[in-house]
Amino acid sequence: MMAALAAMMLVGCEGGKRPDVVVAKCWTELAAGNVKAAVELIDVPVGEEHLYVEMFSERAAKLQEVGGVERVDIYSYDEGKTEARVEATVVLANGQSIPATYTLTKKGHTWKIVN
């Protein structure tokens, strides 16, 4: 819980500098309906941004239907120079939990979610 709270507090200050913050911010943006901002945190092939916005718009709508995201619990992350792995559970407002492991890649100075 403390890791999730810390990640959420760092979202505004650190942007894409830490992989755990990127994962939390992506979910937060989706839950708020800020689909374009969420897609900017994903490693999207050039020219396919509109496809991802469309796909994630559906996910954002479903998130809003269940009341959004209550919190993102970050359990661990392993950060290398160009790749990172984040283990997290997203807890929705309806109590449903979505555990997942995310792989991220570093693009310039910014971390992007690969999956």
PDB file of N, CA and C in Angstrom:
ATOM      1  N   MET A   1       0.820  -1.183   0.000  1.00  0.00           N
ATOM      2  CA  MET A   1       0.000   0.000   0.000  1.00  0.00           C
ATOM      3  C   MET A   1       0.872   1.259   0.000  1.00  0.00           C
ATOM      4  N   MET A   2       1.890   1.263   0.803  1.00  0.00           N
ATOM      5  CA  MET A   2       2.776   2.435   0.846  1.00  0.00           C
ATOM      6  C   MET A   2       3.475   2.646  -0.486  1.00  0.00           C
ATOM      7  N   ALA A   3       3.855   1.544  -1.151  1.00  0.00           N
ATOM      8  CA  ALA A   3       4.501   1.672  -2.459  1.00  0.00           C
ATOM      9  C   ALA A   3       3.545   2.292  -3.458  1.00  0.00           C
ATOM     10  N   ALA A   4       2.278   1.889  -3.397  1.00  0.00           N
ATOM     11  CA  ALA A   4       1.280   2.451  -4.307  1.00  0.00           C
ATOM     12  C   ALA A   4       1.085   3.933  -4.039  1.00  0.00           C
ATOM     13  N   LEU A   5       0.971   4.292  -2.778  1.00  0.00           N
ATOM     14  CA  LEU A   5       0.791   5.685  -2.418  1.00  0.00           C
ATOM     15  C   LEU A   5       1.995   6.511  -2.855  1.00  0.00           C
ATOM     16  N   ALA A   6       3.172   5.992  -2.630  1.00  0.00           N
ATOM     17  CA  ALA A   6       4.386   6.697  -3.040  1.00  0.00           C
ATOM     18  C   ALA A   6       4.423   6.861  -4.551  1.00  0.00           C
ATOM     19  N   ALA A   7       4.063   5.810  -5.270  1.00  0.00           N
ATOM     20  CA  ALA A   7       4.060   5.878  -6.739  1.00  0.00           C
ATOM     21  C   ALA A   7       3.064   6.927  -7.213  1.00  0.00           C
ATOM     22  N   MET A   8       1.886   6.956  -6.596  1.00  0.00           N
ATOM     23  CA  MET A   8       0.870   7.917  -7.005  1.00  0.00           C
ATOM     24  C   MET A   8       1.329   9.349  -6.716  1.00  0.00           C
ATOM     25  N   MET A   9       2.007   9.568  -5.610  1.00  0.00           N
ATOM     26  CA  MET A   9       2.479  10.900  -5.265  1.00  0.00           C
ATOM     27  C   MET A   9       3.592  11.350  -6.209  1.00  0.00           C
ATOM     28  N   LEU A  10       4.364  10.409  -6.700  1.00  0.00           N
ATOM     29  CA  LEU A  10       5.469  10.757  -7.577  1.00  0.00           C
ATOM     30  C   LEU A  10       5.042  10.964  -9.022  1.00  0.00           C
ATOM     31  N   VAL A  11       3.834  10.573  -9.363  1.00  0.00           N
ATOM     32  CA  VAL A  11       3.375  10.664 -10.739  1.00  0.00           C
ATOM     33  C   VAL A  11       3.570  12.066 -11.294  1.00  0.00           C
ATOM     34  N   GLY A  12       3.176  13.064 -10.560  1.00  0.00           N
ATOM     35  CA  GLY A  12       3.293  14.424 -11.054  1.00  0.00           C
ATOM     36  C   GLY A  12       4.711  14.936 -11.096  1.00  0.00           C
ATOM     37  N   CYS A  13       5.575  14.469 -10.219  1.00  0.00           N
ATOM     38  CA  CYS A  13       6.923  15.025 -10.159  1.00  0.00           C
ATOM     39  C   CYS A  13       7.945  14.295 -11.018  1.00  0.00           C
ATOM     40  N   GLU A  14       7.754  13.028 -11.252  1.00  0.00           N
ATOM     41  CA  GLU A  14       8.803  12.278 -11.925  1.00  0.00           C
ATOM     42  C   GLU A  14       8.472  11.901 -13.358  1.00  0.00           C
ATOM     43  N   GLY A  15       7.221  12.063 -13.778  1.00  0.00           N
ATOM     44  CA  GLY A  15       6.859  11.743 -15.150  1.00  0.00           C
ATOM     45  C   GLY A  15       7.262  10.342 -15.538  1.00  0.00           C
ATOM     46  N   GLY A  16       8.095  10.204 -16.553  1.00  0.00           N
ATOM     47  CA  GLY A  16       8.502   8.895 -17.044  1.00  0.00           C
ATOM     48  C   GLY A  16       9.886   8.495 -16.595  1.00  0.00           C
ATOM     49  N   LYS A  17      10.355   9.030 -15.472  1.00  0.00           N
ATOM     50  CA  LYS A  17      11.715   8.742 -15.031  1.00  0.00           C
ATOM     51  C   LYS A  17      11.861   7.429 -14.283  1.00  0.00           C
ATOM     52  N   ARG A  18      10.772   6.907 -13.725  1.00  0.00           N
ATOM     53  CA  ARG A  18      10.838   5.625 -13.005  1.00  0.00           C
ATOM     54  C   ARG A  18       9.784   4.682 -13.561  1.00  0.00           C
ATOM     55  N   PRO A  19      10.162   3.436 -13.800  1.00  0.00           N
ATOM     56  CA  PRO A  19       9.209   2.499 -14.400  1.00  0.00           C
ATOM     57  C   PRO A  19       7.954   2.264 -13.557  1.00  0.00           C
ATOM     58  N   ASP A  20       8.085   2.204 -12.240  1.00  0.00           N
ATOM     59  CA  ASP A  20       6.908   1.980 -11.395  1.00  0.00           C
ATOM     60  C   ASP A  20       5.936   3.159 -11.470  1.00  0.00           C
ATOM     61  N   VAL A  21       6.471   4.356 -11.584  1.00  0.00           N
ATOM     62  CA  VAL A  21       5.643   5.548 -11.691  1.00  0.00           C
ATOM     63  C   VAL A  21       4.910   5.564 -13.027  1.00  0.00           C
ATOM     64  N   VAL A  22       5.569   5.124 -14.094  1.00  0.00           N
ATOM     65  CA  VAL A  22       4.941   5.085 -15.415  1.00  0.00           C
ATOM     66  C   VAL A  22       3.735   4.148 -15.408  1.00  0.00           C
ATOM     67  N   VAL A  23       3.878   2.988 -14.809  1.00  0.00           N
ATOM     68  CA  VAL A  23       2.767   2.022 -14.747  1.00  0.00           C
ATOM     69  C   VAL A  23       1.594   2.625 -13.975  1.00  0.00           C
ATOM     70  N   ALA A  24       1.864   3.198 -12.808  1.00  0.00           N
ATOM     71  CA  ALA A  24       0.803   3.799 -11.995  1.00  0.00           C
ATOM     72  C   ALA A  24       0.144   4.959 -12.738  1.00  0.00           C
ATOM     73  N   LYS A  25       0.939   5.771 -13.389  1.00  0.00           N
ATOM     74  CA  LYS A  25       0.401   6.935 -14.099  1.00  0.00           C
ATOM     75  C   LYS A  25      -0.459   6.500 -15.279  1.00  0.00           C
ATOM     76  N   CYS A  26      -0.067   5.459 -15.981  1.00  0.00           N
ATOM     77  CA  CYS A  26      -0.847   4.977 -17.118  1.00  0.00           C
ATOM     78  C   CYS A  26      -2.259   4.590 -16.667  1.00  0.00           C
ATOM     79  N   TRP A  27      -2.348   3.834 -15.588  1.00  0.00           N
ATOM     80  CA  TRP A  27      -3.650   3.426 -15.055  1.00  0.00           C
ATOM     81  C   TRP A  27      -4.439   4.636 -14.563  1.00  0.00           C
ATOM     82  N   THR A  28      -3.785   5.568 -13.920  1.00  0.00           N
ATOM     83  CA  THR A  28      -4.451   6.766 -13.413  1.00  0.00           C
ATOM     84  C   THR A  28      -5.026   7.592 -14.562  1.00  0.00           C
ATOM     85  N   GLU A  29      -4.250   7.739 -15.617  1.00  0.00           N
ATOM     86  CA  GLU A  29      -4.707   8.495 -16.793  1.00  0.00           C
ATOM     87  C   GLU A  29      -5.891   7.794 -17.453  1.00  0.00           C
ATOM     88  N   LEU A  30      -5.810   6.465 -17.602  1.00  0.00           N
ATOM     89  CA  LEU A  30      -6.926   5.721 -18.194  1.00  0.00           C
ATOM     90  C   LEU A  30      -8.196   5.894 -17.371  1.00  0.00           C
ATOM     91  N   ALA A  31      -8.071   5.755 -16.064  1.00  0.00           N
ATOM     92  CA  ALA A  31      -9.236   5.858 -15.185  1.00  0.00           C
ATOM     93  C   ALA A  31      -9.870   7.243 -15.251  1.00  0.00           C
ATOM     94  N   ALA A  32      -9.049   8.250 -15.508  1.00  0.00           N
ATOM     95  CA  ALA A  32      -9.549   9.627 -15.603  1.00  0.00           C
ATOM     96  C   ALA A  32     -10.093   9.941 -16.999  1.00  0.00           C
ATOM     97  N   GLY A  33      -9.952   8.994 -17.926  1.00  0.00           N
ATOM     98  CA  GLY A  33     -10.416   9.215 -19.294  1.00  0.00           C
ATOM     99  C   GLY A  33      -9.418   9.953 -20.160  1.00  0.00           C
ATOM    100  N   ASN A  34      -8.198  10.124 -19.668  1.00  0.00           N
ATOM    101  CA  ASN A  34      -7.145  10.806 -20.426  1.00  0.00           C
ATOM    102  C   ASN A  34      -6.393   9.788 -21.279  1.00  0.00           C
ATOM    103  N   VAL A  35      -7.075   9.286 -22.294  1.00  0.00           N
ATOM    104  CA  VAL A  35      -6.549   8.182 -23.091  1.00  0.00           C
ATOM    105  C   VAL A  35      -5.267   8.564 -23.822  1.00  0.00           C
ATOM    106  N   LYS A  36      -5.220   9.735 -24.404  1.00  0.00           N
ATOM    107  CA  LYS A  36      -4.012  10.149 -25.137  1.00  0.00           C
ATOM    108  C   LYS A  36      -2.806  10.221 -24.201  1.00  0.00           C
ATOM    109  N   ALA A  37      -3.009  10.723 -22.989  1.00  0.00           N
ATOM    110  CA  ALA A  37      -1.915  10.795 -22.017  1.00  0.00           C
ATOM    111  C   ALA A  37      -1.451   9.394 -21.636  1.00  0.00           C
ATOM    112  N   ALA A  38      -2.395   8.453 -21.499  1.00  0.00           N
ATOM    113  CA  ALA A  38      -2.030   7.075 -21.169  1.00  0.00           C
ATOM    114  C   ALA A  38      -1.249   6.438 -22.311  1.00  0.00           C
ATOM    115  N   VAL A  39      -1.688   6.656 -23.536  1.00  0.00           N
ATOM    116  CA  VAL A  39      -1.019   6.069 -24.706  1.00  0.00           C
ATOM    117  C   VAL A  39       0.389   6.626 -24.867  1.00  0.00           C
ATOM    118  N   GLU A  40       0.622   7.852 -24.445  1.00  0.00           N
ATOM    119  CA  GLU A  40       1.966   8.441 -24.509  1.00  0.00           C
ATOM    120  C   GLU A  40       2.960   7.694 -23.616  1.00  0.00           C
ATOM    121  N   LEU A  41       2.450   6.922 -22.656  1.00  0.00           N
ATOM    122  CA  LEU A  41       3.304   6.159 -21.743  1.00  0.00           C
ATOM    123  C   LEU A  41       3.586   4.749 -22.255  1.00  0.00           C
ATOM    124  N   ILE A  42       3.070   4.431 -23.432  1.00  0.00           N
ATOM    125  CA  ILE A  42       3.206   3.098 -24.017  1.00  0.00           C
ATOM    126  C   ILE A  42       4.113   3.179 -25.230  1.00  0.00           C
ATOM    127  N   ASP A  43       4.902   2.143 -25.439  1.00  0.00           N
ATOM    128  CA  ASP A  43       5.802   2.072 -26.597  1.00  0.00           C
ATOM    129  C   ASP A  43       4.964   1.688 -27.822  1.00  0.00           C
ATOM    130  N   VAL A  44       4.483   2.703 -28.518  1.00  0.00           N
ATOM    131  CA  VAL A  44       3.585   2.520 -29.657  1.00  0.00           C
ATOM    132  C   VAL A  44       4.376   2.667 -30.959  1.00  0.00           C
ATOM    133  N   PRO A  45       4.194   1.730 -31.897  1.00  0.00           N
ATOM    134  CA  PRO A  45       4.861   1.877 -33.189  1.00  0.00           C
ATOM    135  C   PRO A  45       4.439   3.190 -33.873  1.00  0.00           C
ATOM    136  N   VAL A  46       5.372   3.833 -34.530  1.00  0.00           N
ATOM    137  CA  VAL A  46       5.110   5.101 -35.209  1.00  0.00           C
ATOM    138  C   VAL A  46       3.969   4.915 -36.206  1.00  0.00           C
ATOM    139  N   GLY A  47       3.039   5.841 -36.172  1.00  0.00           N
ATOM    140  CA  GLY A  47       1.908   5.811 -37.091  1.00  0.00           C
ATOM    141  C   GLY A  47       0.724   4.998 -36.598  1.00  0.00           C
ATOM    142  N   GLU A  48       0.858   4.327 -35.464  1.00  0.00           N
ATOM    143  CA  GLU A  48      -0.243   3.500 -34.952  1.00  0.00           C
ATOM    144  C   GLU A  48      -0.885   4.087 -33.697  1.00  0.00           C
ATOM    145  N   GLU A  49      -0.550   5.319 -33.387  1.00  0.00           N
ATOM    146  CA  GLU A  49      -1.070   5.957 -32.182  1.00  0.00           C
ATOM    147  C   GLU A  49      -2.593   5.938 -32.159  1.00  0.00           C
ATOM    148  N   HIS A  50      -3.220   6.239 -33.305  1.00  0.00           N
ATOM    149  CA  HIS A  50      -4.686   6.304 -33.357  1.00  0.00           C
ATOM    150  C   HIS A  50      -5.325   4.951 -33.033  1.00  0.00           C
ATOM    151  N   LEU A  51      -4.682   3.846 -33.422  1.00  0.00           N
ATOM    152  CA  LEU A  51      -5.203   2.515 -33.112  1.00  0.00           C
ATOM    153  C   LEU A  51      -5.179   2.266 -31.606  1.00  0.00           C
ATOM    154  N   TYR A  52      -4.108   2.682 -30.970  1.00  0.00           N
ATOM    155  CA  TYR A  52      -3.978   2.499 -29.528  1.00  0.00           C
ATOM    156  C   TYR A  52      -4.966   3.393 -28.771  1.00  0.00           C
ATOM    157  N   VAL A  53      -5.162   4.619 -29.250  1.00  0.00           N
ATOM    158  CA  VAL A  53      -6.119   5.521 -28.615  1.00  0.00           C
ATOM    159  C   VAL A  53      -7.521   4.909 -28.693  1.00  0.00           C
ATOM    160  N   GLU A  54      -7.857   4.361 -29.848  1.00  0.00           N
ATOM    161  CA  GLU A  54      -9.171   3.728 -30.013  1.00  0.00           C
ATOM    162  C   GLU A  54      -9.323   2.527 -29.071  1.00  0.00           C
ATOM    163  N   MET A  55      -8.303   1.667 -29.050  1.00  0.00           N
ATOM    164  CA  MET A  55      -8.353   0.475 -28.213  1.00  0.00           C
ATOM    165  C   MET A  55      -8.441   0.852 -26.718  1.00  0.00           C
ATOM    166  N   PHE A  56      -7.626   1.791 -26.294  1.00  0.00           N
ATOM    167  CA  PHE A  56      -7.608   2.170 -24.889  1.00  0.00           C
ATOM    168  C   PHE A  56      -8.802   3.030 -24.502  1.00  0.00           C
ATOM    169  N   SER A  57      -9.475   3.656 -25.463  1.00  0.00           N
ATOM    170  CA  SER A  57     -10.703   4.394 -25.163  1.00  0.00           C
ATOM    171  C   SER A  57     -11.765   3.436 -24.651  1.00  0.00           C
ATOM    172  N   GLU A  58     -11.829   2.248 -25.240  1.00  0.00           N
ATOM    173  CA  GLU A  58     -12.775   1.232 -24.777  1.00  0.00           C
ATOM    174  C   GLU A  58     -12.434   0.797 -23.349  1.00  0.00           C
ATOM    175  N   ARG A  59     -11.156   0.609 -23.066  1.00  0.00           N
ATOM    176  CA  ARG A  59     -10.739   0.211 -21.717  1.00  0.00           C
ATOM    177  C   ARG A  59     -11.045   1.305 -20.709  1.00  0.00           C
ATOM    178  N   ALA A  60     -10.809   2.554 -21.100  1.00  0.00           N
ATOM    179  CA  ALA A  60     -11.077   3.675 -20.198  1.00  0.00           C
ATOM    180  C   ALA A  60     -12.568   3.753 -19.875  1.00  0.00           C
ATOM    181  N   ALA A  61     -13.405   3.528 -20.879  1.00  0.00           N
ATOM    182  CA  ALA A  61     -14.858   3.551 -20.658  1.00  0.00           C
ATOM    183  C   ALA A  61     -15.271   2.453 -19.677  1.00  0.00           C
ATOM    184  N   LYS A  62     -14.680   1.271 -19.812  1.00  0.00           N
ATOM    185  CA  LYS A  62     -14.992   0.168 -18.888  1.00  0.00           C
ATOM    186  C   LYS A  62     -14.521   0.492 -17.478  1.00  0.00           C
ATOM    187  N   LEU A  63     -13.367   1.130 -17.366  1.00  0.00           N
ATOM    188  CA  LEU A  63     -12.870   1.530 -16.049  1.00  0.00           C
ATOM    189  C   LEU A  63     -13.825   2.526 -15.396  1.00  0.00           C
ATOM    190  N   GLN A  64     -14.310   3.454 -16.178  1.00  0.00           N
ATOM    191  CA  GLN A  64     -15.228   4.456 -15.632  1.00  0.00           C
ATOM    192  C   GLN A  64     -16.555   3.823 -15.234  1.00  0.00           C
ATOM    193  N   GLU A  65     -16.982   2.784 -15.965  1.00  0.00           N
ATOM    194  CA  GLU A  65     -18.224   2.081 -15.626  1.00  0.00           C
ATOM    195  C   GLU A  65     -18.160   1.449 -14.229  1.00  0.00           C
ATOM    196  N   VAL A  66     -16.976   0.974 -13.840  1.00  0.00           N
ATOM    197  CA  VAL A  66     -16.825   0.324 -12.525  1.00  0.00           C
ATOM    198  C   VAL A  66     -16.370   1.307 -11.445  1.00  0.00           C
ATOM    199  N   GLY A  67     -16.325   2.585 -11.778  1.00  0.00           N
ATOM    200  CA  GLY A  67     -15.979   3.590 -10.780  1.00  0.00           C
ATOM    201  C   GLY A  67     -14.527   4.018 -10.783  1.00  0.00           C
ATOM    202  N   GLY A  68     -13.731   3.500 -11.718  1.00  0.00           N
ATOM    203  CA  GLY A  68     -12.338   3.916 -11.834  1.00  0.00           C
ATOM    204  C   GLY A  68     -11.380   3.056 -11.030  1.00  0.00           C
ATOM    205  N   VAL A  69     -10.196   3.573 -10.847  1.00  0.00           N
ATOM    206  CA  VAL A  69      -9.121   2.878 -10.139  1.00  0.00           C
ATOM    207  C   VAL A  69      -9.013   3.438  -8.731  1.00  0.00           C
ATOM    208  N   GLU A  70      -9.076   2.548  -7.759  1.00  0.00           N
ATOM    209  CA  GLU A  70      -8.905   2.976  -6.369  1.00  0.00           C
ATOM    210  C   GLU A  70      -7.432   3.210  -6.060  1.00  0.00           C
ATOM    211  N   ARG A  71      -6.588   2.260  -6.520  1.00  0.00           N
ATOM    212  CA  ARG A  71      -5.146   2.400  -6.279  1.00  0.00           C
ATOM    213  C   ARG A  71      -4.370   1.435  -7.170  1.00  0.00           C
ATOM    214  N   VAL A  72      -3.081   1.710  -7.283  1.00  0.00           N
ATOM    215  CA  VAL A  72      -2.154   0.819  -7.979  1.00  0.00           C
ATOM    216  C   VAL A  72      -1.101   0.418  -6.961  1.00  0.00           C
ATOM    217  N   ASP A  73      -1.073  -0.869  -6.625  1.00  0.00           N
ATOM    218  CA  ASP A  73      -0.086  -1.381  -5.676  1.00  0.00           C
ATOM    219  C   ASP A  73       1.119  -1.901  -6.447  1.00  0.00           C
ATOM    220  N   ILE A  74       2.260  -1.296  -6.241  1.00  0.00           N
ATOM    221  CA  ILE A  74       3.497  -1.736  -6.874  1.00  0.00           C
ATOM    222  C   ILE A  74       4.200  -2.655  -5.892  1.00  0.00           C
ATOM    223  N   TYR A  75       4.438  -3.901  -6.307  1.00  0.00           N
ATOM    224  CA  TYR A  75       5.072  -4.872  -5.415  1.00  0.00           C
ATOM    225  C   TYR A  75       6.583  -4.926  -5.604  1.00  0.00           C
ATOM    226  N   SER A  76       7.010  -4.769  -6.838  1.00  0.00           N
ATOM    227  CA  SER A  76       8.451  -4.761  -7.078  1.00  0.00           C
ATOM    228  C   SER A  76       8.719  -4.203  -8.458  1.00  0.00           C
ATOM    229  N   TYR A  77       9.925  -3.710  -8.613  1.00  0.00           N
ATOM    230  CA  TYR A  77      10.376  -3.385  -9.968  1.00  0.00           C
ATOM    231  C   TYR A  77      11.872  -3.557 -10.040  1.00  0.00           C
ATOM    232  N   ASP A  78      12.268  -4.014 -11.208  1.00  0.00           N
ATOM    233  CA  ASP A  78      13.675  -4.281 -11.482  1.00  0.00           C
ATOM    234  C   ASP A  78      14.051  -3.404 -12.656  1.00  0.00           C
ATOM    235  N   GLU A  79      14.930  -2.455 -12.426  1.00  0.00           N
ATOM    236  CA  GLU A  79      15.289  -1.474 -13.443  1.00  0.00           C
ATOM    237  C   GLU A  79      16.718  -1.676 -13.918  1.00  0.00           C
ATOM    238  N   GLY A  80      16.859  -1.946 -15.218  1.00  0.00           N
ATOM    239  CA  GLY A  80      18.174  -2.001 -15.837  1.00  0.00           C
ATOM    240  C   GLY A  80      18.420  -0.693 -16.574  1.00  0.00           C
ATOM    241  N   LYS A  81      19.435  -0.685 -17.435  1.00  0.00           N
ATOM    242  CA  LYS A  81      19.728   0.543 -18.177  1.00  0.00           C
ATOM    243  C   LYS A  81      18.683   0.846 -19.241  1.00  0.00           C
ATOM    244  N   THR A  82      18.192  -0.195 -19.931  1.00  0.00           N
ATOM    245  CA  THR A  82      17.241   0.031 -21.015  1.00  0.00           C
ATOM    246  C   THR A  82      15.943  -0.760 -20.883  1.00  0.00           C
ATOM    247  N   GLU A  83      15.860  -1.667 -19.926  1.00  0.00           N
ATOM    248  CA  GLU A  83      14.650  -2.451 -19.721  1.00  0.00           C
ATOM    249  C   GLU A  83      14.310  -2.495 -18.240  1.00  0.00           C
ATOM    250  N   ALA A  84      13.030  -2.629 -17.976  1.00  0.00           N
ATOM    251  CA  ALA A  84      12.574  -2.736 -16.593  1.00  0.00           C
ATOM    252  C   ALA A  84      11.373  -3.671 -16.538  1.00  0.00           C
ATOM    253  N   ARG A  85      11.137  -4.176 -15.334  1.00  0.00           N
ATOM    254  CA  ARG A  85      10.001  -5.067 -15.099  1.00  0.00           C
ATOM    255  C   ARG A  85       9.319  -4.599 -13.814  1.00  0.00           C
ATOM    256  N   VAL A  86       8.009  -4.427 -13.875  1.00  0.00           N
ATOM    257  CA  VAL A  86       7.239  -3.939 -12.741  1.00  0.00           C
ATOM    258  C   VAL A  86       6.120  -4.931 -12.446  1.00  0.00           C
ATOM    259  N   GLU A  87       6.023  -5.349 -11.181  1.00  0.00           N
ATOM    260  CA  GLU A  87       4.924  -6.201 -10.742  1.00  0.00           C
ATOM    261  C   GLU A  87       3.964  -5.329  -9.956  1.00  0.00           C
ATOM    262  N   ALA A  88       2.692  -5.335 -10.372  1.00  0.00           N
ATOM    263  CA  ALA A  88       1.705  -4.463  -9.745  1.00  0.00           C
ATOM    264  C   ALA A  88       0.331  -5.121  -9.739  1.00  0.00           C
ATOM    265  N   THR A  89      -0.510  -4.625  -8.863  1.00  0.00           N
ATOM    266  CA  THR A  89      -1.917  -5.001  -8.853  1.00  0.00           C
ATOM    267  C   THR A  89      -2.727  -3.707  -8.873  1.00  0.00           C
ATOM    268  N   VAL A  90      -3.624  -3.631  -9.830  1.00  0.00           N
ATOM    269  CA  VAL A  90      -4.528  -2.494  -9.920  1.00  0.00           C
ATOM    270  C   VAL A  90      -5.802  -2.884  -9.191  1.00  0.00           C
ATOM    271  N   VAL A  91      -6.208  -2.071  -8.240  1.00  0.00           N
ATOM    272  CA  VAL A  91      -7.435  -2.322  -7.486  1.00  0.00           C
ATOM    273  C   VAL A  91      -8.479  -1.319  -7.969  1.00  0.00           C
ATOM    274  N   LEU A  92      -9.547  -1.854  -8.552  1.00  0.00           N
ATOM    275  CA  LEU A  92     -10.612  -1.011  -9.077  1.00  0.00           C
ATOM    276  C   LEU A  92     -11.545  -0.578  -7.953  1.00  0.00           C
ATOM    277  N   ALA A  93     -12.330   0.452  -8.203  1.00  0.00           N
ATOM    278  CA  ALA A  93     -13.256   0.973  -7.197  1.00  0.00           C
ATOM    279  C   ALA A  93     -14.302  -0.055  -6.784  1.00  0.00           C
ATOM    280  N   ASN A  94     -14.595  -1.018  -7.662  1.00  0.00           N
ATOM    281  CA  ASN A  94     -15.575  -2.056  -7.327  1.00  0.00           C
ATOM    282  C   ASN A  94     -14.951  -3.216  -6.552  1.00  0.00           C
ATOM    283  N   GLY A  95     -13.657  -3.109  -6.213  1.00  0.00           N
ATOM    284  CA  GLY A  95     -12.975  -4.134  -5.434  1.00  0.00           C
ATOM    285  C   GLY A  95     -12.237  -5.167  -6.256  1.00  0.00           C
ATOM    286  N   GLN A  96     -12.472  -5.203  -7.556  1.00  0.00           N
ATOM    287  CA  GLN A  96     -11.780  -6.167  -8.422  1.00  0.00           C
ATOM    288  C   GLN A  96     -10.295  -5.821  -8.484  1.00  0.00           C
ATOM    289  N   SER A  97      -9.459  -6.868  -8.478  1.00  0.00           N
ATOM    290  CA  SER A  97      -8.005  -6.680  -8.565  1.00  0.00           C
ATOM    291  C   SER A  97      -7.502  -7.225  -9.899  1.00  0.00           C
ATOM    292  N   ILE A  98      -6.561  -6.505 -10.494  1.00  0.00           N
ATOM    293  CA  ILE A  98      -5.954  -6.919 -11.746  1.00  0.00           C
ATOM    294  C   ILE A  98      -4.445  -6.993 -11.538  1.00  0.00           C
ATOM    295  N   PRO A  99      -3.924  -8.202 -11.234  1.00  0.00           N
ATOM    296  CA  PRO A  99      -2.471  -8.333 -11.074  1.00  0.00           C
ATOM    297  C   PRO A  99      -1.811  -8.476 -12.442  1.00  0.00           C
ATOM    298  N   ALA A 100      -0.644  -7.893 -12.599  1.00  0.00           N
ATOM    299  CA  ALA A 100       0.069  -8.006 -13.870  1.00  0.00           C
ATOM    300  C   ALA A 100       1.549  -7.685 -13.677  1.00  0.00           C
ATOM    301  N   THR A 101       2.326  -8.181 -14.613  1.00  0.00           N
ATOM    302  CA  THR A 101       3.747  -7.836 -14.688  1.00  0.00           C
ATOM    303  C   THR A 101       3.941  -7.056 -15.980  1.00  0.00           C
ATOM    304  N   TYR A 102       4.574  -5.908 -15.870  1.00  0.00           N
ATOM    305  CA  TYR A 102       4.771  -5.024 -17.016  1.00  0.00           C
ATOM    306  C   TYR A 102       6.245  -4.999 -17.387  1.00  0.00           C
ATOM    307  N   THR A 103       6.493  -5.005 -18.679  1.00  0.00           N
ATOM    308  CA  THR A 103       7.840  -4.837 -19.203  1.00  0.00           C
ATOM    309  C   THR A 103       7.903  -3.429 -19.794  1.00  0.00           C
ATOM    310  N   LEU A 104       8.977  -2.727 -19.478  1.00  0.00           N
ATOM    311  CA  LEU A 104       9.148  -1.371 -19.989  1.00  0.00           C
ATOM    312  C   LEU A 104      10.484  -1.264 -20.700  1.00  0.00           C
ATOM    313  N   THR A 105      10.558  -0.329 -21.631  1.00  0.00           N
ATOM    314  CA  THR A 105      11.799  -0.052 -22.337  1.00  0.00           C
ATOM    315  C   THR A 105      12.092   1.439 -22.218  1.00  0.00           C
ATOM    316  N   LYS A 106      13.359   1.770 -22.215  1.00  0.00           N
ATOM    317  CA  LYS A 106      13.743   3.172 -22.073  1.00  0.00           C
ATOM    318  C   LYS A 106      13.938   3.784 -23.457  1.00  0.00           C
ATOM    319  N   LYS A 107      13.216   4.857 -23.706  1.00  0.00           N
ATOM    320  CA  LYS A 107      13.301   5.613 -24.953  1.00  0.00           C
ATOM    321  C   LYS A 107      13.848   6.987 -24.604  1.00  0.00           C
ATOM    322  N   GLY A 108      15.108   7.207 -24.913  1.00  0.00           N
ATOM    323  CA  GLY A 108      15.741   8.452 -24.491  1.00  0.00           C
ATOM    324  C   GLY A 108      15.862   8.442 -22.976  1.00  0.00           C
ATOM    325  N   HIS A 109      15.208   9.385 -22.326  1.00  0.00           N
ATOM    326  CA  HIS A 109      15.217   9.471 -20.858  1.00  0.00           C
ATOM    327  C   HIS A 109      13.891   9.027 -20.246  1.00  0.00           C
ATOM    328  N   THR A 110      12.999   8.483 -21.082  1.00  0.00           N
ATOM    329  CA  THR A 110      11.655   8.159 -20.631  1.00  0.00           C
ATOM    330  C   THR A 110      11.365   6.666 -20.725  1.00  0.00           C
ATOM    331  N   TRP A 111      10.721   6.128 -19.713  1.00  0.00           N
ATOM    332  CA  TRP A 111      10.291   4.737 -19.718  1.00  0.00           C
ATOM    333  C   TRP A 111       8.950   4.620 -20.419  1.00  0.00           C
ATOM    334  N   LYS A 112       8.814   3.584 -21.262  1.00  0.00           N
ATOM    335  CA  LYS A 112       7.565   3.314 -21.976  1.00  0.00           C
ATOM    336  C   LYS A 112       7.157   1.859 -21.706  1.00  0.00           C
ATOM    337  N   ILE A 113       5.875   1.630 -21.521  1.00  0.00           N
ATOM    338  CA  ILE A 113       5.355   0.286 -21.289  1.00  0.00           C
ATOM    339  C   ILE A 113       5.324  -0.467 -22.609  1.00  0.00           C
ATOM    340  N   VAL A 114       5.904  -1.677 -22.594  1.00  0.00           N
ATOM    341  CA  VAL A 114       5.924  -2.523 -23.785  1.00  0.00           C
ATOM    342  C   VAL A 114       4.701  -3.425 -23.784  1.00  0.00           C
ATOM    343  N   ASN A 115       4.362  -3.975 -22.614  1.00  0.00           N
ATOM    344  CA  ASN A 115       3.175  -4.839 -22.512  1.00  0.00           C
ATOM    345  C   ASN A 115       2.452  -4.582 -21.217  1.00  0.00           C
TER     346      ASN A 115
END
